[in-house]
Amino acid sequence: MMMKSTLFALAALALQGAYAHTSGFTNEFALPGTTLTTALAIRHGCIGSPTIEVSVIVPEEITTIKPVELQNWTLNFEYRNTGQGNNQAISSFRWTGYLNPGTAQDFGMVIDIPNLDVSQGNVTLYFPTVQRCSNATIELTGEEAPHITVTQKISDEYDHHHDGDESGAPKMAGSFANMMAASMLGGAGYYLLNN
């Protein structure tokens, strides 16, 4: 059994970086009632094939989100009723286009963070995401989905425990090894579907 576990770990590490993955949001912490500028960070394609679509489901708590249009990509939206008269909010959106397998791309968006009560603790908003390539698909759902943590205070503690960009905004890291381990151990969240 230990030999199988060791072989699995070595295989996962050898394949890390070969499959598609969304690294998460470039800025994943926000204060209630603020506007957050962030992006989904796509680091590479799938097993040598290009990324052709990135789709995102918006949590119901978010009623205003503005995905950024990218050159040579088409941006499409689906809407839901907010329950406040005839107001509608974006329920999901997707970019379709072409991204070379070895190329990284940030898919930007501006999110109005609702004025959530975080007096009893942080609130995490999950954005289930699918990265579709020519020969495979990665679905990030549940707790593995890219997320925004709404918190009372954004402190230096986050900078010490998370990689940050040049502005000091924290980043979430993901890996194929974690994806495979979660999948093999029955964890929810990651799915690799070969087309």
N, C-alpha and C. Protein backbone atom coordinates (compact mmCIF):
# COMPACT_ATOMS: atom_id res chain seq x y z
N MET A 1 0.83 -1.20 0.00
CA MET A 1 0.00 0.00 0.00
C MET A 1 0.87 1.26 0.00
N MET A 2 1.95 1.23 0.80
CA MET A 2 2.83 2.39 0.86
C MET A 2 3.51 2.62 -0.49
N MET A 3 3.84 1.51 -1.18
CA MET A 3 4.47 1.63 -2.49
C MET A 3 3.53 2.32 -3.47
N LYS A 4 2.23 1.94 -3.43
CA LYS A 4 1.24 2.57 -4.32
C LYS A 4 1.14 4.06 -4.03
N SER A 5 1.10 4.41 -2.74
CA SER A 5 0.99 5.82 -2.36
C SER A 5 2.20 6.60 -2.84
N THR A 6 3.39 6.01 -2.68
CA THR A 6 4.60 6.68 -3.12
C THR A 6 4.62 6.86 -4.63
N LEU A 7 4.23 5.81 -5.37
CA LEU A 7 4.18 5.90 -6.83
C LEU A 7 3.17 6.95 -7.27
N PHE A 8 2.02 6.97 -6.59
CA PHE A 8 1.00 7.96 -6.94
C PHE A 8 1.54 9.38 -6.73
N ALA A 9 2.18 9.59 -5.59
CA ALA A 9 2.72 10.92 -5.29
C ALA A 9 3.77 11.33 -6.31
N LEU A 10 4.63 10.40 -6.69
CA LEU A 10 5.66 10.72 -7.68
C LEU A 10 5.04 11.00 -9.04
N ALA A 11 4.03 10.21 -9.42
CA ALA A 11 3.36 10.43 -10.71
C ALA A 11 2.66 11.78 -10.72
N ALA A 12 2.00 12.11 -9.61
CA ALA A 12 1.30 13.39 -9.53
C ALA A 12 2.27 14.55 -9.64
N LEU A 13 3.42 14.42 -8.96
CA LEU A 13 4.42 15.49 -9.04
C LEU A 13 5.01 15.60 -10.44
N ALA A 14 5.21 14.46 -11.09
CA ALA A 14 5.76 14.48 -12.44
C ALA A 14 4.80 15.14 -13.42
N LEU A 15 3.50 14.95 -13.18
CA LEU A 15 2.50 15.50 -14.09
C LEU A 15 2.09 16.92 -13.72
N GLN A 16 2.49 17.36 -12.53
CA GLN A 16 2.11 18.71 -12.11
C GLN A 16 2.58 19.71 -13.16
N GLY A 17 1.69 20.59 -13.55
CA GLY A 17 2.03 21.57 -14.57
C GLY A 17 1.67 21.10 -15.96
N ALA A 18 1.36 19.80 -16.13
CA ALA A 18 1.01 19.31 -17.46
C ALA A 18 -0.46 19.52 -17.75
N TYR A 19 -1.29 19.60 -16.72
CA TYR A 19 -2.72 19.73 -16.91
C TYR A 19 -3.16 21.16 -16.66
N ALA A 20 -4.36 21.46 -17.14
CA ALA A 20 -4.91 22.79 -16.94
C ALA A 20 -5.20 23.02 -15.47
N HIS A 21 -5.05 24.23 -15.06
CA HIS A 21 -5.58 24.57 -13.75
C HIS A 21 -5.77 26.07 -13.65
N THR A 22 -6.79 26.39 -12.88
CA THR A 22 -7.05 27.77 -12.53
C THR A 22 -6.40 27.98 -11.18
N SER A 23 -5.52 28.95 -11.08
CA SER A 23 -4.84 29.18 -9.81
C SER A 23 -5.73 29.89 -8.80
N GLY A 24 -6.85 30.40 -9.23
CA GLY A 24 -7.74 31.12 -8.33
C GLY A 24 -7.72 32.61 -8.64
N PHE A 25 -8.24 33.39 -7.72
CA PHE A 25 -8.28 34.83 -7.91
C PHE A 25 -6.93 35.45 -7.56
N THR A 26 -6.56 36.48 -8.30
CA THR A 26 -5.32 37.19 -8.02
C THR A 26 -5.44 38.02 -6.75
N ASN A 27 -6.65 38.35 -6.36
CA ASN A 27 -6.92 39.05 -5.10
C ASN A 27 -8.15 38.38 -4.51
N GLU A 28 -7.99 37.65 -3.43
CA GLU A 28 -9.09 36.83 -2.92
C GLU A 28 -9.64 37.27 -1.57
N PHE A 29 -9.26 38.47 -1.10
CA PHE A 29 -9.77 39.00 0.17
C PHE A 29 -10.42 40.35 -0.08
N ALA A 30 -11.55 40.59 0.61
CA ALA A 30 -12.25 41.86 0.44
C ALA A 30 -12.98 42.22 1.73
N LEU A 31 -13.24 43.50 1.88
CA LEU A 31 -14.04 44.00 2.99
C LEU A 31 -15.50 44.09 2.56
N PRO A 32 -16.45 43.95 3.49
CA PRO A 32 -17.87 44.07 3.12
C PRO A 32 -18.17 45.45 2.53
N GLY A 33 -19.03 45.48 1.52
CA GLY A 33 -19.48 46.74 0.95
C GLY A 33 -18.45 47.47 0.12
N THR A 34 -17.44 46.76 -0.37
CA THR A 34 -16.40 47.38 -1.19
C THR A 34 -16.48 46.87 -2.62
N THR A 35 -15.70 47.48 -3.48
CA THR A 35 -15.57 47.02 -4.86
C THR A 35 -14.20 46.39 -5.01
N LEU A 36 -14.18 45.14 -5.49
CA LEU A 36 -12.94 44.37 -5.61
C LEU A 36 -12.58 44.21 -7.08
N THR A 37 -11.37 44.60 -7.44
CA THR A 37 -10.83 44.32 -8.77
C THR A 37 -9.91 43.13 -8.65
N THR A 38 -10.23 42.07 -9.40
CA THR A 38 -9.46 40.83 -9.30
C THR A 38 -9.49 40.13 -10.66
N ALA A 39 -8.94 38.93 -10.72
CA ALA A 39 -8.93 38.16 -11.96
C ALA A 39 -8.77 36.69 -11.64
N LEU A 40 -9.33 35.84 -12.51
CA LEU A 40 -9.04 34.42 -12.44
C LEU A 40 -7.73 34.21 -13.18
N ALA A 41 -6.80 33.56 -12.54
CA ALA A 41 -5.48 33.34 -13.13
C ALA A 41 -5.41 31.96 -13.75
N ILE A 42 -5.39 31.91 -15.08
CA ILE A 42 -5.20 30.65 -15.79
C ILE A 42 -3.72 30.56 -16.11
N ARG A 43 -3.07 29.53 -15.62
CA ARG A 43 -1.61 29.44 -15.73
C ARG A 43 -1.13 28.67 -16.96
N HIS A 44 -1.92 27.76 -17.49
CA HIS A 44 -1.52 27.03 -18.71
C HIS A 44 -2.68 26.20 -19.20
N GLY A 45 -2.51 25.58 -20.37
CA GLY A 45 -3.55 24.76 -20.97
C GLY A 45 -3.56 23.33 -20.43
N CYS A 46 -4.07 22.41 -21.23
CA CYS A 46 -4.25 21.02 -20.81
C CYS A 46 -3.40 20.08 -21.66
N ILE A 47 -2.47 19.40 -21.06
CA ILE A 47 -1.72 18.33 -21.71
C ILE A 47 -1.30 18.74 -23.12
N GLY A 48 -0.79 19.93 -23.24
CA GLY A 48 -0.33 20.39 -24.54
C GLY A 48 -1.40 20.95 -25.45
N SER A 49 -2.63 21.06 -24.96
CA SER A 49 -3.69 21.61 -25.81
C SER A 49 -4.15 22.95 -25.27
N PRO A 50 -4.72 23.80 -26.12
CA PRO A 50 -5.08 25.16 -25.72
C PRO A 50 -6.36 25.23 -24.88
N THR A 51 -6.44 26.29 -24.09
CA THR A 51 -7.68 26.63 -23.39
C THR A 51 -8.59 27.32 -24.39
N ILE A 52 -9.85 26.85 -24.45
CA ILE A 52 -10.79 27.44 -25.40
C ILE A 52 -12.01 28.07 -24.72
N GLU A 53 -12.16 27.82 -23.41
CA GLU A 53 -13.29 28.42 -22.70
C GLU A 53 -13.00 28.45 -21.21
N VAL A 54 -13.42 29.54 -20.57
CA VAL A 54 -13.39 29.66 -19.12
C VAL A 54 -14.77 30.14 -18.70
N SER A 55 -15.46 29.34 -17.86
CA SER A 55 -16.79 29.73 -17.42
C SER A 55 -16.85 29.79 -15.90
N VAL A 56 -17.69 30.69 -15.40
CA VAL A 56 -17.76 30.98 -13.97
C VAL A 56 -19.22 31.09 -13.56
N ILE A 57 -19.57 30.45 -12.43
CA ILE A 57 -20.89 30.62 -11.82
C ILE A 57 -20.75 31.63 -10.69
N VAL A 58 -21.62 32.61 -10.68
CA VAL A 58 -21.56 33.70 -9.69
C VAL A 58 -22.41 33.31 -8.48
N PRO A 59 -21.86 33.43 -7.26
CA PRO A 59 -22.67 33.12 -6.08
C PRO A 59 -23.84 34.08 -5.96
N GLU A 60 -24.95 33.60 -5.38
CA GLU A 60 -26.17 34.40 -5.30
C GLU A 60 -25.99 35.69 -4.51
N GLU A 61 -25.04 35.70 -3.58
CA GLU A 61 -24.82 36.91 -2.78
C GLU A 61 -24.32 38.08 -3.63
N ILE A 62 -23.70 37.77 -4.75
CA ILE A 62 -23.14 38.80 -5.63
C ILE A 62 -24.22 39.24 -6.63
N THR A 63 -24.59 40.50 -6.60
CA THR A 63 -25.59 40.99 -7.55
C THR A 63 -25.00 41.90 -8.62
N THR A 64 -23.76 42.35 -8.41
CA THR A 64 -23.11 43.17 -9.42
C THR A 64 -21.69 42.67 -9.64
N ILE A 65 -21.43 42.23 -10.87
CA ILE A 65 -20.10 41.76 -11.26
C ILE A 65 -19.88 42.17 -12.70
N LYS A 66 -18.67 42.63 -13.01
CA LYS A 66 -18.37 43.09 -14.37
C LYS A 66 -17.13 42.37 -14.88
N PRO A 67 -17.32 41.26 -15.59
CA PRO A 67 -16.15 40.60 -16.20
C PRO A 67 -15.55 41.51 -17.28
N VAL A 68 -14.26 41.44 -17.44
CA VAL A 68 -13.54 42.29 -18.39
C VAL A 68 -13.48 41.59 -19.75
N GLU A 69 -13.80 42.34 -20.80
CA GLU A 69 -13.66 41.79 -22.14
C GLU A 69 -12.19 41.71 -22.51
N LEU A 70 -11.80 40.60 -23.13
CA LEU A 70 -10.41 40.38 -23.53
C LEU A 70 -10.32 40.35 -25.05
N GLN A 71 -9.24 40.86 -25.57
CA GLN A 71 -9.04 40.86 -27.01
C GLN A 71 -9.02 39.42 -27.52
N ASN A 72 -9.73 39.17 -28.61
CA ASN A 72 -9.83 37.87 -29.27
C ASN A 72 -10.61 36.83 -28.46
N TRP A 73 -11.35 37.27 -27.43
CA TRP A 73 -12.22 36.39 -26.67
C TRP A 73 -13.63 36.94 -26.72
N THR A 74 -14.63 36.04 -26.75
CA THR A 74 -16.03 36.42 -26.71
C THR A 74 -16.53 36.22 -25.29
N LEU A 75 -17.28 37.17 -24.77
CA LEU A 75 -17.80 37.11 -23.41
C LEU A 75 -19.32 37.01 -23.47
N ASN A 76 -19.87 35.95 -22.86
CA ASN A 76 -21.32 35.72 -22.84
C ASN A 76 -21.81 35.64 -21.40
N PHE A 77 -23.09 36.05 -21.19
CA PHE A 77 -23.66 36.10 -19.85
C PHE A 77 -24.97 35.32 -19.79
N GLU A 78 -25.29 34.81 -18.59
CA GLU A 78 -26.62 34.32 -18.26
C GLU A 78 -27.07 35.11 -17.04
N TYR A 79 -28.39 35.32 -16.93
CA TYR A 79 -28.92 36.19 -15.88
C TYR A 79 -29.92 35.45 -15.00
N ARG A 80 -30.12 35.98 -13.80
CA ARG A 80 -31.14 35.49 -12.87
C ARG A 80 -31.86 36.69 -12.28
N ASN A 81 -33.09 36.45 -11.80
CA ASN A 81 -33.83 37.51 -11.12
C ASN A 81 -33.27 37.67 -9.71
N THR A 82 -33.19 38.90 -9.25
CA THR A 82 -32.67 39.16 -7.91
C THR A 82 -33.76 39.10 -6.85
N GLY A 83 -35.03 39.06 -7.29
CA GLY A 83 -36.14 39.09 -6.33
C GLY A 83 -36.49 40.50 -5.92
N GLN A 84 -35.85 41.49 -6.55
CA GLN A 84 -36.12 42.89 -6.24
C GLN A 84 -36.69 43.57 -7.49
N GLY A 85 -37.97 43.38 -7.68
CA GLY A 85 -38.63 43.94 -8.87
C GLY A 85 -38.17 43.25 -10.13
N ASN A 86 -37.87 44.04 -11.15
CA ASN A 86 -37.42 43.48 -12.43
C ASN A 86 -35.90 43.42 -12.53
N ASN A 87 -35.22 43.62 -11.43
CA ASN A 87 -33.76 43.62 -11.46
C ASN A 87 -33.21 42.23 -11.74
N GLN A 88 -32.19 42.20 -12.58
CA GLN A 88 -31.51 40.94 -12.89
C GLN A 88 -30.04 41.08 -12.55
N ALA A 89 -29.45 39.95 -12.22
CA ALA A 89 -28.02 39.90 -11.94
C ALA A 89 -27.40 38.81 -12.80
N ILE A 90 -26.12 38.93 -13.05
CA ILE A 90 -25.42 37.91 -13.82
C ILE A 90 -25.31 36.65 -12.96
N SER A 91 -25.78 35.53 -13.48
CA SER A 91 -25.69 34.26 -12.74
C SER A 91 -24.47 33.46 -13.16
N SER A 92 -24.04 33.63 -14.41
CA SER A 92 -22.83 32.96 -14.89
C SER A 92 -22.34 33.70 -16.13
N PHE A 93 -21.09 33.47 -16.44
CA PHE A 93 -20.52 34.07 -17.65
C PHE A 93 -19.39 33.18 -18.14
N ARG A 94 -19.06 33.36 -19.42
CA ARG A 94 -17.96 32.56 -19.97
C ARG A 94 -17.24 33.34 -21.07
N TRP A 95 -15.94 33.15 -21.07
CA TRP A 95 -15.10 33.64 -22.14
C TRP A 95 -14.83 32.47 -23.07
N THR A 96 -14.96 32.68 -24.37
CA THR A 96 -14.57 31.65 -25.34
C THR A 96 -13.55 32.28 -26.28
N GLY A 97 -12.52 31.52 -26.58
CA GLY A 97 -11.45 32.03 -27.42
C GLY A 97 -10.36 30.99 -27.56
N TYR A 98 -9.13 31.45 -27.54
CA TYR A 98 -7.99 30.55 -27.73
C TYR A 98 -6.80 31.07 -26.94
N LEU A 99 -6.24 30.19 -26.10
CA LEU A 99 -5.06 30.52 -25.31
C LEU A 99 -4.06 29.39 -25.48
N ASN A 100 -2.89 29.72 -26.01
CA ASN A 100 -1.85 28.70 -26.22
C ASN A 100 -1.60 27.93 -24.93
N PRO A 101 -1.28 26.64 -25.03
CA PRO A 101 -1.15 25.81 -23.83
C PRO A 101 -0.10 26.29 -22.84
N GLY A 102 0.97 26.92 -23.31
CA GLY A 102 2.02 27.37 -22.40
C GLY A 102 1.89 28.81 -21.96
N THR A 103 0.76 29.43 -22.27
CA THR A 103 0.57 30.85 -21.99
C THR A 103 -0.34 31.06 -20.79
N ALA A 104 0.03 31.99 -19.92
CA ALA A 104 -0.81 32.36 -18.77
C ALA A 104 -1.68 33.55 -19.16
N GLN A 105 -2.87 33.63 -18.54
CA GLN A 105 -3.78 34.74 -18.82
C GLN A 105 -4.60 35.03 -17.57
N ASP A 106 -4.74 36.28 -17.22
CA ASP A 106 -5.65 36.69 -16.16
C ASP A 106 -6.96 37.12 -16.79
N PHE A 107 -8.07 36.55 -16.32
CA PHE A 107 -9.41 36.87 -16.79
C PHE A 107 -10.03 37.80 -15.74
N GLY A 108 -10.00 39.09 -16.02
CA GLY A 108 -10.33 40.10 -15.03
C GLY A 108 -11.81 40.31 -14.80
N MET A 109 -12.10 40.86 -13.62
CA MET A 109 -13.47 41.21 -13.27
C MET A 109 -13.47 42.21 -12.12
N VAL A 110 -14.56 42.96 -12.04
CA VAL A 110 -14.77 43.90 -10.94
C VAL A 110 -16.04 43.43 -10.23
N ILE A 111 -15.93 43.23 -8.91
CA ILE A 111 -17.03 42.64 -8.14
C ILE A 111 -17.44 43.60 -7.04
N ASP A 112 -18.74 43.92 -6.98
CA ASP A 112 -19.26 44.68 -5.84
C ASP A 112 -19.53 43.67 -4.72
N ILE A 113 -18.74 43.77 -3.66
CA ILE A 113 -18.88 42.85 -2.53
C ILE A 113 -20.06 43.32 -1.69
N PRO A 114 -21.02 42.42 -1.40
CA PRO A 114 -22.17 42.85 -0.60
C PRO A 114 -21.76 43.20 0.83
N ASN A 115 -22.60 43.94 1.49
CA ASN A 115 -22.33 44.35 2.86
C ASN A 115 -22.72 43.22 3.81
N LEU A 116 -21.93 42.15 3.78
CA LEU A 116 -22.20 40.95 4.58
C LEU A 116 -21.79 41.16 6.03
N ASP A 117 -22.49 40.48 6.94
CA ASP A 117 -22.14 40.53 8.35
C ASP A 117 -20.98 39.57 8.61
N VAL A 118 -19.82 40.11 8.92
CA VAL A 118 -18.65 39.28 9.21
C VAL A 118 -18.23 39.44 10.68
N SER A 119 -19.16 39.92 11.51
CA SER A 119 -18.84 40.14 12.92
C SER A 119 -18.58 38.82 13.65
N GLN A 120 -19.15 37.73 13.15
CA GLN A 120 -18.95 36.42 13.78
C GLN A 120 -17.91 35.58 13.05
N GLY A 121 -17.30 36.14 12.02
CA GLY A 121 -16.28 35.41 11.27
C GLY A 121 -16.36 35.72 9.79
N ASN A 122 -15.33 35.30 9.08
CA ASN A 122 -15.25 35.55 7.64
C ASN A 122 -16.36 34.82 6.89
N VAL A 123 -16.72 35.36 5.73
CA VAL A 123 -17.68 34.71 4.83
C VAL A 123 -16.94 34.42 3.53
N THR A 124 -17.03 33.17 3.07
CA THR A 124 -16.36 32.79 1.83
C THR A 124 -17.39 32.64 0.72
N LEU A 125 -17.13 33.30 -0.39
CA LEU A 125 -18.00 33.24 -1.57
C LEU A 125 -17.29 32.42 -2.64
N TYR A 126 -17.91 31.31 -3.04
CA TYR A 126 -17.30 30.39 -4.01
C TYR A 126 -17.82 30.66 -5.42
N PHE A 127 -16.91 30.61 -6.38
CA PHE A 127 -17.21 30.84 -7.80
C PHE A 127 -16.85 29.58 -8.57
N PRO A 128 -17.76 28.59 -8.66
CA PRO A 128 -17.44 27.37 -9.42
C PRO A 128 -16.98 27.74 -10.83
N THR A 129 -15.89 27.13 -11.26
CA THR A 129 -15.22 27.53 -12.50
C THR A 129 -14.88 26.31 -13.33
N VAL A 130 -15.03 26.45 -14.64
CA VAL A 130 -14.65 25.38 -15.58
C VAL A 130 -13.64 25.96 -16.56
N GLN A 131 -12.51 25.28 -16.69
CA GLN A 131 -11.53 25.61 -17.73
C GLN A 131 -11.60 24.47 -18.75
N ARG A 132 -12.04 24.82 -19.96
CA ARG A 132 -12.20 23.82 -21.01
C ARG A 132 -11.07 23.98 -22.03
N CYS A 133 -10.42 22.86 -22.32
CA CYS A 133 -9.37 22.83 -23.34
C CYS A 133 -9.83 21.95 -24.49
N SER A 134 -9.02 21.84 -25.52
CA SER A 134 -9.40 21.04 -26.68
C SER A 134 -9.56 19.56 -26.33
N ASN A 135 -8.76 19.06 -25.37
CA ASN A 135 -8.82 17.62 -25.09
C ASN A 135 -9.14 17.28 -23.65
N ALA A 136 -9.47 18.25 -22.81
CA ALA A 136 -9.79 17.97 -21.41
C ALA A 136 -10.54 19.14 -20.80
N THR A 137 -11.17 18.87 -19.65
CA THR A 137 -11.91 19.90 -18.93
C THR A 137 -11.61 19.77 -17.45
N ILE A 138 -11.38 20.91 -16.80
CA ILE A 138 -11.20 20.93 -15.35
C ILE A 138 -12.39 21.67 -14.75
N GLU A 139 -13.08 21.04 -13.80
CA GLU A 139 -14.17 21.67 -13.07
C GLU A 139 -13.72 21.88 -11.64
N LEU A 140 -13.76 23.11 -11.18
CA LEU A 140 -13.43 23.44 -9.79
C LEU A 140 -14.72 23.82 -9.08
N THR A 141 -15.17 22.94 -8.18
CA THR A 141 -16.45 23.15 -7.50
C THR A 141 -16.26 23.01 -5.99
N GLY A 142 -17.33 23.28 -5.26
CA GLY A 142 -17.29 23.15 -3.81
C GLY A 142 -16.19 24.00 -3.21
N GLU A 143 -15.51 23.47 -2.20
CA GLU A 143 -14.46 24.23 -1.53
C GLU A 143 -13.21 24.39 -2.37
N GLU A 144 -13.11 23.68 -3.48
CA GLU A 144 -11.96 23.81 -4.38
C GLU A 144 -12.16 24.91 -5.41
N ALA A 145 -13.36 25.47 -5.46
CA ALA A 145 -13.64 26.54 -6.42
C ALA A 145 -12.88 27.81 -6.04
N PRO A 146 -12.50 28.61 -7.03
CA PRO A 146 -11.94 29.93 -6.71
C PRO A 146 -12.90 30.67 -5.78
N HIS A 147 -12.36 31.42 -4.84
CA HIS A 147 -13.23 32.04 -3.85
C HIS A 147 -12.71 33.41 -3.42
N ILE A 148 -13.65 34.18 -2.88
CA ILE A 148 -13.35 35.46 -2.26
C ILE A 148 -13.71 35.34 -0.78
N THR A 149 -12.79 35.71 0.08
CA THR A 149 -13.06 35.71 1.52
C THR A 149 -13.39 37.14 1.94
N VAL A 150 -14.60 37.32 2.45
CA VAL A 150 -15.02 38.63 2.93
C VAL A 150 -14.70 38.66 4.42
N THR A 151 -13.94 39.65 4.83
CA THR A 151 -13.39 39.69 6.17
C THR A 151 -13.50 41.09 6.76
N GLN A 152 -13.40 41.19 8.09
CA GLN A 152 -13.48 42.50 8.75
C GLN A 152 -12.26 43.35 8.48
N LYS A 153 -11.12 42.71 8.35
CA LYS A 153 -9.87 43.44 8.21
C LYS A 153 -8.92 42.64 7.34
N ILE A 154 -8.28 43.31 6.40
CA ILE A 154 -7.25 42.66 5.59
C ILE A 154 -5.92 43.07 6.21
N SER A 155 -5.28 42.11 6.86
CA SER A 155 -4.08 42.42 7.61
C SER A 155 -2.83 41.90 6.91
N ASP A 156 -1.68 42.26 7.46
CA ASP A 156 -0.40 41.77 6.94
C ASP A 156 -0.28 40.27 7.08
N GLU A 157 -1.07 39.66 7.97
CA GLU A 157 -1.03 38.21 8.17
C GLU A 157 -1.26 37.47 6.86
N TYR A 158 -2.17 37.98 6.02
CA TYR A 158 -2.44 37.33 4.74
C TYR A 158 -1.21 37.36 3.85
N ASP A 159 -0.47 38.47 3.90
CA ASP A 159 0.73 38.57 3.07
C ASP A 159 1.79 37.57 3.48
N HIS A 160 1.83 37.22 4.78
CA HIS A 160 2.84 36.28 5.26
C HIS A 160 2.47 34.84 4.95
N HIS A 161 1.18 34.57 4.73
CA HIS A 161 0.75 33.18 4.53
C HIS A 161 0.32 32.89 3.10
N HIS A 162 0.33 33.89 2.24
CA HIS A 162 -0.09 33.70 0.85
C HIS A 162 0.92 34.40 -0.06
N ASP A 163 1.09 33.81 -1.25
CA ASP A 163 1.89 34.51 -2.25
C ASP A 163 1.12 35.74 -2.67
N GLY A 164 1.80 36.83 -2.95
CA GLY A 164 1.11 38.04 -3.36
C GLY A 164 1.62 38.56 -4.67
N ASP A 165 0.85 39.42 -5.29
CA ASP A 165 1.33 40.06 -6.50
C ASP A 165 2.09 41.33 -6.10
N GLU A 166 2.46 42.13 -7.07
CA GLU A 166 3.27 43.29 -6.76
C GLU A 166 2.57 44.30 -5.87
N SER A 167 1.25 44.27 -5.81
CA SER A 167 0.52 45.21 -4.96
C SER A 167 0.35 44.67 -3.55
N GLY A 168 0.82 43.43 -3.32
CA GLY A 168 0.66 42.82 -2.01
C GLY A 168 -0.64 42.07 -1.88
N ALA A 169 -1.47 42.07 -2.93
CA ALA A 169 -2.72 41.33 -2.87
C ALA A 169 -2.43 39.84 -2.85
N PRO A 170 -3.07 39.09 -1.95
CA PRO A 170 -2.78 37.67 -1.86
C PRO A 170 -3.28 36.90 -3.05
N LYS A 171 -2.63 35.76 -3.30
CA LYS A 171 -3.04 34.87 -4.37
C LYS A 171 -3.29 33.48 -3.80
N MET A 172 -4.20 32.75 -4.44
CA MET A 172 -4.45 31.37 -4.06
C MET A 172 -3.67 30.50 -5.02
N ALA A 173 -3.01 29.47 -4.53
CA ALA A 173 -2.26 28.57 -5.39
C ALA A 173 -2.98 27.25 -5.51
N GLY A 174 -2.94 26.65 -6.70
CA GLY A 174 -3.52 25.34 -6.91
C GLY A 174 -2.51 24.45 -7.60
N SER A 175 -2.68 23.16 -7.53
CA SER A 175 -1.73 22.28 -8.17
C SER A 175 -2.41 21.02 -8.65
N PHE A 176 -1.83 20.41 -9.66
CA PHE A 176 -2.35 19.15 -10.17
C PHE A 176 -2.21 18.06 -9.12
N ALA A 177 -1.13 18.07 -8.34
CA ALA A 177 -0.94 17.06 -7.30
C ALA A 177 -2.08 17.13 -6.29
N ASN A 178 -2.46 18.34 -5.87
CA ASN A 178 -3.59 18.48 -4.94
C ASN A 178 -4.88 18.01 -5.58
N MET A 179 -5.06 18.34 -6.87
CA MET A 179 -6.25 17.93 -7.58
C MET A 179 -6.36 16.41 -7.61
N MET A 180 -5.27 15.74 -7.96
CA MET A 180 -5.28 14.28 -8.05
C MET A 180 -5.48 13.65 -6.68
N ALA A 181 -4.83 14.18 -5.66
CA ALA A 181 -4.98 13.64 -4.32
C ALA A 181 -6.43 13.75 -3.86
N ALA A 182 -7.04 14.92 -4.09
CA ALA A 182 -8.44 15.11 -3.69
C ALA A 182 -9.34 14.15 -4.45
N SER A 183 -9.07 13.98 -5.73
CA SER A 183 -9.88 13.10 -6.56
C SER A 183 -9.74 11.65 -6.11
N MET A 184 -8.51 11.20 -5.87
CA MET A 184 -8.26 9.81 -5.48
C MET A 184 -8.81 9.51 -4.10
N LEU A 185 -8.82 10.51 -3.22
CA LEU A 185 -9.30 10.30 -1.86
C LEU A 185 -10.79 10.59 -1.72
N GLY A 186 -11.45 10.82 -2.84
CA GLY A 186 -12.89 11.04 -2.80
C GLY A 186 -13.27 12.46 -2.47
N GLY A 187 -12.31 13.37 -2.51
CA GLY A 187 -12.61 14.77 -2.21
C GLY A 187 -13.38 15.41 -3.34
N ALA A 188 -14.26 16.32 -3.01
CA ALA A 188 -15.03 17.02 -4.04
C ALA A 188 -14.23 18.17 -4.58
N GLY A 189 -14.54 18.57 -5.77
CA GLY A 189 -13.97 19.80 -6.25
C GLY A 189 -13.30 19.72 -7.60
N TYR A 190 -12.40 18.82 -7.78
CA TYR A 190 -11.64 18.76 -9.03
C TYR A 190 -12.15 17.61 -9.89
N TYR A 191 -12.33 17.85 -11.16
CA TYR A 191 -12.69 16.79 -12.10
C TYR A 191 -11.91 17.00 -13.38
N LEU A 192 -11.23 15.98 -13.83
CA LEU A 192 -10.54 16.03 -15.11
C LEU A 192 -11.33 15.16 -16.06
N LEU A 193 -11.89 15.75 -17.09
CA LEU A 193 -12.71 15.02 -18.04
C LEU A 193 -12.03 15.07 -19.39
N ASN A 194 -11.57 13.95 -19.88
CA ASN A 194 -10.96 13.92 -21.20
C ASN A 194 -12.05 13.93 -22.24
N ASN A 195 -11.89 14.78 -23.24
CA ASN A 195 -12.87 14.88 -24.33
C ASN A 195 -12.62 13.80 -25.35
